[in-house]
Amino acid sequence: MVFLIQQTMIYAIPLMIVALAGIFAERSGVINLALEGIMIFGAFIGVLFVRTMQENQTFTQEQGQLLVLLAFLVAAVCGALFSLLLSFSAITLKADQTIGGTALNMLAPAIVLFFITMIAQQNVLRMFTGDSASWFMIKPTTFGYERDHEFGFFGNLFLNKVYITTYLCIIIFVVLSVILYKTRFGLRLRSCGENPQASDSLGINVYKMRYIGTTISGFLAGAGGFTYALTTSNCAATGEVAGYGFLALAVMIFGNWTPLNVALGGILFGLFKCIAATYATLDINGDGVYMLAEIGISPYVYRLLPYLITLIVLAFTSKKSRAPKAEGIPYDKGQR
């Protein structure tokens, strides 16, 4: 049970944080279809940063938690900078936001694969050789324990073999959700996605708020990309994130552009992603006798499940979804 919950959170956390990125952009009035591309870019920058620091022996293994925090921040900042390309085209140039986002989704993997090939002479850039994941996991020895069983159930669930980025993403998710819905800034941002003309008449700078919303979106997507590379992609950047950016958009729509529903949707899809990735080792009864793989279902069915569930859920919930009224519509100051 501990293994299943931990693995589910590993897959759910990137979905949640990137879906929140989509909420910030679309609540401000900008459709951010470039989440996939920004994730790819953030994953590459984070992995490159860690690899560079380790090659220069700047950090020891005991300082792995600090290193991953710095890499997380660097990836997030670079994601925010990369998203400025979308902001400039969508807000300043008033270009079609769907085309702009698609262009960035095509640009990011091309740039990343080019640099990965230059640096590593292959299509995969790894943080470093060896058991890299152990650098960034919380372990019993961190709290003075020698063995896992000394932790107990909840200790093993929350404090053993858990990535520090999991807690960091949860904290950011909660804080930004509160900011979006419980502060004056959040109200102003959301008003720019609902009725920008009315917001402008009240003295709100719509262009500025949309730039801020899209930049926060890029920050979160970049952080989500590095989290994906660290946890799901085995500490490597490969120029792709397995469609997580588009799946996060589906989670956002399923969650009706609200953080709580997005969190629940992320956990639901994370569970099926977990089943798809670990079905061969999942123990149904917990006694090591009856494994999920022994049911006789084709492995392709398990791999299809997350995307099939996405289609089914969207088919039943999309009619009730209410997108921000002004999303995707370039703001014209002279229009009333």
Protein backbone atom coordinates (compact mmCIF):
# COMPACT_ATOMS: atom_id res chain seq x y z
CA MET A 1 0.00 0.00 0.00
CA VAL A 2 2.83 2.40 0.87
CA PHE A 3 4.50 1.66 -2.46
CA LEU A 4 1.27 2.28 -4.41
CA ILE A 5 0.55 5.60 -2.68
CA GLN A 6 4.11 6.84 -3.09
CA GLN A 7 4.23 5.86 -6.76
CA THR A 8 0.84 7.48 -7.38
CA MET A 9 2.09 10.75 -5.91
CA ILE A 10 5.23 10.58 -8.04
CA TYR A 11 3.04 10.59 -11.16
CA ALA A 12 0.37 12.93 -9.77
CA ILE A 13 2.57 15.76 -8.49
CA PRO A 14 3.89 16.90 -11.92
CA LEU A 15 0.33 16.77 -13.29
CA MET A 16 -0.98 18.89 -10.43
CA ILE A 17 1.70 21.57 -10.60
CA VAL A 18 1.55 21.86 -14.41
CA ALA A 19 -2.27 21.90 -14.39
CA LEU A 20 -2.04 24.79 -11.91
CA ALA A 21 0.29 26.45 -14.41
CA GLY A 22 -2.45 26.21 -17.01
CA ILE A 23 -4.96 27.70 -14.55
CA PHE A 24 -2.81 30.79 -13.92
CA ALA A 25 -2.38 31.46 -17.63
CA GLU A 26 -5.99 30.88 -18.61
CA ARG A 27 -7.43 32.72 -15.62
CA SER A 28 -5.50 35.75 -16.86
CA GLY A 29 -6.90 35.25 -20.37
CA VAL A 30 -4.03 33.49 -22.18
CA ILE A 31 -4.29 29.90 -23.43
CA ASN A 32 -1.00 28.21 -22.62
CA LEU A 33 -0.79 25.22 -24.94
CA ALA A 34 2.99 25.41 -24.59
CA LEU A 35 2.99 23.59 -21.24
CA GLU A 36 4.49 20.50 -22.89
CA GLY A 37 7.32 22.50 -24.43
CA ILE A 38 8.04 24.45 -21.25
CA MET A 39 8.18 21.18 -19.30
CA ILE A 40 10.70 19.78 -21.76
CA PHE A 41 12.82 22.92 -21.48
CA GLY A 42 12.63 22.96 -17.68
CA ALA A 43 13.56 19.28 -17.46
CA PHE A 44 16.63 19.84 -19.63
CA ILE A 45 17.81 22.91 -17.71
CA GLY A 46 17.36 21.21 -14.34
CA VAL A 47 19.21 18.06 -15.39
CA LEU A 48 21.99 20.10 -17.00
CA PHE A 49 22.40 22.18 -13.84
CA VAL A 50 22.68 19.11 -11.61
CA ARG A 51 25.09 17.43 -14.03
CA THR A 52 27.29 20.52 -14.20
CA MET A 53 27.40 20.94 -10.42
CA GLN A 54 28.32 17.30 -9.92
CA GLU A 55 30.99 17.29 -12.61
CA ASN A 56 32.56 20.30 -10.90
CA GLN A 57 32.17 18.52 -7.53
CA THR A 58 30.45 21.58 -6.13
CA PHE A 59 28.11 19.44 -4.02
CA THR A 60 28.63 16.20 -2.13
CA GLN A 61 26.06 13.42 -1.83
CA GLU A 62 25.15 14.67 1.63
CA GLN A 63 24.21 18.00 0.02
CA GLY A 64 21.99 16.35 -2.57
CA GLN A 65 18.79 17.87 -1.13
CA LEU A 66 20.21 21.37 -1.44
CA LEU A 67 21.37 20.68 -4.98
CA VAL A 68 17.94 19.50 -6.09
CA LEU A 69 16.30 22.58 -4.54
CA LEU A 70 18.63 24.87 -6.49
CA ALA A 71 18.04 22.88 -9.70
CA PHE A 72 14.29 23.08 -9.11
CA LEU A 73 14.52 26.88 -8.80
CA VAL A 74 16.76 27.24 -11.86
CA ALA A 75 14.45 25.08 -13.99
CA ALA A 76 11.42 27.06 -12.83
CA VAL A 77 13.04 30.43 -13.59
CA CYS A 78 14.14 29.26 -17.04
CA GLY A 79 10.62 27.97 -17.68
CA ALA A 80 9.30 31.43 -16.79
CA LEU A 81 11.77 33.04 -19.19
CA PHE A 82 10.86 30.60 -21.97
CA SER A 83 7.16 31.40 -21.47
CA LEU A 84 7.89 35.05 -22.24
CA LEU A 85 8.01 34.02 -25.91
CA LEU A 86 4.35 33.05 -25.64
CA SER A 87 3.53 36.18 -23.64
CA PHE A 88 5.14 38.46 -26.20
CA SER A 89 3.39 36.83 -29.16
CA ALA A 90 -0.01 36.49 -27.48
CA ILE A 91 -0.22 39.72 -25.48
CA THR A 92 2.01 42.26 -27.24
CA LEU A 93 1.69 41.06 -30.83
CA LYS A 94 -1.88 39.75 -30.32
CA ALA A 95 -1.01 36.65 -32.33
CA ASP A 96 -3.12 33.50 -32.31
CA GLN A 97 -2.40 31.87 -28.95
CA THR A 98 -3.02 28.32 -30.15
CA ILE A 99 -0.49 28.69 -32.95
CA GLY A 100 2.01 30.36 -30.60
CA GLY A 101 1.74 27.56 -28.06
CA THR A 102 2.04 24.89 -30.74
CA ALA A 103 5.13 26.60 -32.12
CA LEU A 104 6.81 26.52 -28.71
CA ASN A 105 5.90 22.85 -28.33
CA MET A 106 7.75 22.19 -31.57
CA LEU A 107 10.65 24.51 -30.76
CA ALA A 108 11.47 23.19 -27.27
CA PRO A 109 12.24 19.53 -28.12
CA ALA A 110 14.25 20.59 -31.17
CA ILE A 111 16.44 22.92 -29.11
CA VAL A 112 16.77 20.48 -26.22
CA LEU A 113 17.69 17.49 -28.40
CA PHE A 114 20.24 19.62 -30.25
CA PHE A 115 22.03 20.56 -27.03
CA ILE A 116 21.69 17.06 -25.54
CA THR A 117 23.40 15.63 -28.63
CA MET A 118 26.16 18.24 -28.36
CA ILE A 119 26.75 17.60 -24.66
CA ALA A 120 26.23 13.84 -24.32
CA GLN A 121 26.67 12.60 -27.92
CA GLN A 122 23.39 10.70 -27.51
CA ASN A 123 19.68 11.38 -27.15
CA VAL A 124 19.64 11.15 -23.36
CA LEU A 125 21.23 13.54 -20.87
CA ARG A 126 21.61 11.99 -17.44
CA MET A 127 22.35 13.83 -14.25
CA PHE A 128 25.31 11.54 -13.59
CA THR A 129 26.23 7.88 -13.57
CA GLY A 130 25.36 5.65 -10.65
CA ASP A 131 22.39 5.65 -8.30
CA SER A 132 21.50 9.30 -8.83
CA ALA A 133 17.98 8.99 -7.40
CA SER A 134 19.36 8.14 -3.96
CA TRP A 135 20.93 11.61 -3.79
CA PHE A 136 17.56 13.29 -3.70
CA MET A 137 15.40 10.90 -1.67
CA ILE A 138 14.60 11.26 2.01
CA LYS A 139 15.90 8.11 3.72
CA PRO A 140 15.73 6.63 7.26
CA THR A 141 19.33 7.69 7.96
CA THR A 142 18.25 11.31 7.50
CA PHE A 143 16.33 10.99 10.78
CA GLY A 144 18.78 8.73 12.57
CA TYR A 145 17.13 5.40 11.69
CA GLU A 146 19.04 2.49 10.23
CA ARG A 147 16.19 0.40 8.79
CA ASP A 148 12.89 1.11 7.05
CA HIS A 149 10.70 -0.82 9.52
CA GLU A 150 11.75 1.51 12.34
CA PHE A 151 9.79 4.26 10.65
CA GLY A 152 6.38 2.63 10.94
CA PHE A 153 3.59 2.90 8.34
CA PHE A 154 3.20 6.69 8.27
CA GLY A 155 6.92 7.26 8.56
CA ASN A 156 7.56 5.07 5.53
CA LEU A 157 4.67 6.75 3.68
CA PHE A 158 5.70 10.37 4.22
CA LEU A 159 9.38 10.35 5.21
CA ASN A 160 11.04 7.34 3.58
CA LYS A 161 12.18 7.23 -0.05
CA VAL A 162 10.21 10.36 -0.89
CA TYR A 163 11.57 13.01 -3.23
CA ILE A 164 11.95 16.43 -1.66
CA THR A 165 10.35 17.93 -4.79
CA THR A 166 7.10 16.19 -3.80
CA TYR A 167 6.76 18.32 -0.68
CA LEU A 168 8.05 21.42 -2.44
CA CYS A 169 5.44 21.12 -5.20
CA ILE A 170 2.64 20.53 -2.68
CA ILE A 171 3.63 23.64 -0.71
CA ILE A 172 3.80 25.76 -3.89
CA PHE A 173 0.46 24.35 -5.07
CA VAL A 174 -1.29 25.26 -1.80
CA VAL A 175 0.28 28.72 -1.49
CA LEU A 176 -0.45 29.76 -5.09
CA SER A 177 -3.99 28.37 -4.89
CA VAL A 178 -4.63 30.58 -1.86
CA ILE A 179 -3.10 33.57 -3.63
CA LEU A 180 -5.25 33.00 -6.71
CA TYR A 181 -8.56 32.78 -4.84
CA LYS A 182 -8.07 34.59 -1.52
CA THR A 183 -6.08 37.73 -2.37
CA ARG A 184 -6.66 40.99 -4.19
CA PHE A 185 -3.99 40.06 -6.72
CA GLY A 186 -5.77 36.79 -7.50
CA LEU A 187 -9.09 38.60 -7.94
CA ARG A 188 -7.51 41.06 -10.36
CA LEU A 189 -5.83 38.29 -12.30
CA ARG A 190 -9.06 36.32 -12.65
CA SER A 191 -11.00 39.43 -13.66
CA CYS A 192 -8.63 39.89 -16.63
CA GLY A 193 -9.65 36.46 -17.87
CA GLU A 194 -13.37 37.10 -17.40
CA ASN A 195 -13.92 40.71 -18.46
CA PRO A 196 -10.72 42.59 -19.29
CA GLN A 197 -12.59 45.73 -20.42
CA ALA A 198 -14.28 46.06 -17.03
CA SER A 199 -10.95 45.40 -15.31
CA ASP A 200 -9.29 48.12 -17.35
CA SER A 201 -12.04 50.58 -16.43
CA LEU A 202 -11.19 49.97 -12.76
CA GLY A 203 -7.54 50.86 -13.35
CA ILE A 204 -6.14 47.32 -13.68
CA ASN A 205 -3.35 46.98 -16.24
CA VAL A 206 -4.65 44.00 -18.23
CA TYR A 207 -1.45 43.58 -20.25
CA LYS A 208 0.67 43.51 -17.09
CA MET A 209 -1.62 41.03 -15.33
CA ARG A 210 -1.61 38.71 -18.33
CA TYR A 211 2.18 38.86 -18.51
CA ILE A 212 2.34 37.99 -14.81
CA GLY A 213 -0.15 35.15 -15.16
CA THR A 214 1.69 33.61 -18.11
CA THR A 215 5.08 34.03 -16.40
CA ILE A 216 3.83 32.27 -13.26
CA SER A 217 2.47 29.58 -15.57
CA GLY A 218 5.90 29.15 -17.15
CA PHE A 219 7.55 29.07 -13.71
CA LEU A 220 5.29 26.22 -12.59
CA ALA A 221 5.60 24.31 -15.87
CA GLY A 222 9.39 24.53 -15.73
CA ALA A 223 9.35 23.26 -12.14
CA GLY A 224 6.97 20.48 -13.18
CA GLY A 225 9.29 19.51 -16.01
CA PHE A 226 12.26 19.13 -13.70
CA THR A 227 10.13 17.19 -11.20
CA TYR A 228 9.13 14.85 -14.02
CA ALA A 229 12.77 14.36 -15.07
CA LEU A 230 13.87 13.71 -11.50
CA THR A 231 11.12 11.29 -10.48
CA THR A 232 9.45 9.75 -13.51
CA SER A 233 12.20 9.93 -16.11
CA ASN A 234 14.92 8.40 -13.88
CA CYS A 235 17.01 11.56 -13.50
CA ALA A 236 17.35 12.17 -17.24
CA ALA A 237 16.28 14.63 -19.93
CA THR A 238 15.22 13.03 -23.22
CA GLY A 239 13.56 15.85 -25.13
CA GLU A 240 10.06 14.64 -24.24
CA VAL A 241 7.80 14.32 -21.20
CA ALA A 242 5.43 11.58 -22.38
CA GLY A 243 2.59 13.99 -23.11
CA TYR A 244 2.40 15.22 -19.51
CA GLY A 245 1.81 18.79 -20.64
CA PHE A 246 -1.25 17.84 -22.64
CA LEU A 247 -2.45 15.49 -19.91
CA ALA A 248 -2.14 18.39 -17.45
CA LEU A 249 -4.39 20.46 -19.73
CA ALA A 250 -6.95 17.64 -19.57
CA VAL A 251 -6.67 17.60 -15.76
CA MET A 252 -7.20 21.38 -15.74
CA ILE A 253 -10.37 21.09 -17.85
CA PHE A 254 -11.58 18.15 -15.77
CA GLY A 255 -10.96 20.23 -12.64
CA ASN A 256 -12.99 23.12 -14.09
CA TRP A 257 -10.07 25.55 -13.64
CA THR A 258 -10.17 25.22 -9.82
CA PRO A 259 -7.15 24.02 -7.78
CA LEU A 260 -8.98 21.58 -5.49
CA ASN A 261 -10.64 19.72 -8.35
CA VAL A 262 -7.34 19.79 -10.25
CA ALA A 263 -5.60 18.14 -7.29
CA LEU A 264 -8.23 15.39 -7.19
CA GLY A 265 -7.98 14.93 -10.96
CA GLY A 266 -4.20 14.78 -10.78
CA ILE A 267 -4.35 12.03 -8.15
CA LEU A 268 -6.88 10.08 -10.23
CA PHE A 269 -4.78 10.22 -13.39
CA GLY A 270 -1.61 9.68 -11.37
CA LEU A 271 -3.06 6.43 -10.03
CA PHE A 272 -3.68 5.09 -13.53
CA LYS A 273 -0.25 6.25 -14.68
CA CYS A 274 1.18 4.38 -11.70
CA ILE A 275 -0.73 1.22 -12.66
CA ALA A 276 0.44 1.56 -16.26
CA ALA A 277 4.08 1.89 -15.22
CA THR A 278 4.24 -0.65 -12.37
CA TYR A 279 1.57 -3.25 -13.19
CA ALA A 280 4.21 -5.99 -13.48
CA THR A 281 5.21 -5.58 -9.82
CA LEU A 282 1.91 -4.52 -8.24
CA ASP A 283 0.73 -6.91 -5.54
CA ILE A 284 -3.08 -7.00 -5.31
CA ASN A 285 -3.42 -8.77 -1.94
CA GLY A 286 -0.25 -7.44 -0.38
CA ASP A 287 1.05 -10.94 0.28
CA GLY A 288 3.28 -11.28 -2.78
CA VAL A 289 1.16 -14.13 -4.14
CA TYR A 290 -1.34 -12.54 -6.49
CA MET A 291 0.29 -10.03 -8.80
CA LEU A 292 -1.65 -7.73 -11.12
CA ALA A 293 0.37 -8.95 -14.09
CA GLU A 294 -0.98 -12.49 -13.55
CA ILE A 295 -4.55 -11.53 -14.44
CA GLY A 296 -3.74 -12.12 -18.10
CA ILE A 297 -4.57 -8.66 -19.45
CA SER A 298 -2.28 -7.39 -22.19
CA PRO A 299 0.34 -4.90 -20.94
CA TYR A 300 -0.76 -2.51 -23.69
CA VAL A 301 -4.13 -2.17 -21.94
CA TYR A 302 -2.43 -0.91 -18.78
CA ARG A 303 -0.35 1.56 -20.78
CA LEU A 304 -3.48 2.78 -22.53
CA LEU A 305 -5.45 3.27 -19.31
CA PRO A 306 -4.34 6.84 -18.36
CA TYR A 307 -5.20 8.23 -21.78
CA LEU A 308 -8.40 6.20 -22.11
CA ILE A 309 -9.57 7.38 -18.69
CA THR A 310 -8.72 10.95 -19.73
CA LEU A 311 -10.95 10.70 -22.81
CA ILE A 312 -13.80 9.11 -20.86
CA VAL A 313 -13.68 11.64 -18.03
CA LEU A 314 -13.50 14.61 -20.40
CA ALA A 315 -16.40 13.24 -22.44
CA PHE A 316 -18.62 13.25 -19.34
CA THR A 317 -17.35 16.42 -17.66
CA SER A 318 -16.45 18.83 -20.49
CA LYS A 319 -20.07 19.96 -20.95
CA LYS A 320 -20.14 21.21 -17.38
CA SER A 321 -16.75 22.90 -17.61
CA ARG A 322 -16.78 26.66 -17.60
CA ALA A 323 -13.67 28.23 -19.06
CA PRO A 324 -12.80 31.89 -18.39
CA LYS A 325 -14.88 33.97 -20.80
CA ALA A 326 -12.01 35.99 -22.25
CA GLU A 327 -9.41 33.23 -22.55
CA GLY A 328 -7.70 33.15 -25.92
CA ILE A 329 -9.07 36.55 -26.93
CA PRO A 330 -6.36 39.20 -27.45
CA TYR A 331 -7.15 42.28 -25.40
CA ASP A 332 -7.90 45.43 -27.39
CA LYS A 333 -7.87 48.50 -25.17
CA GLY A 334 -10.11 50.42 -27.56
CA GLN A 335 -12.80 47.73 -27.73
CA ARG A 336 -15.89 48.05 -25.53
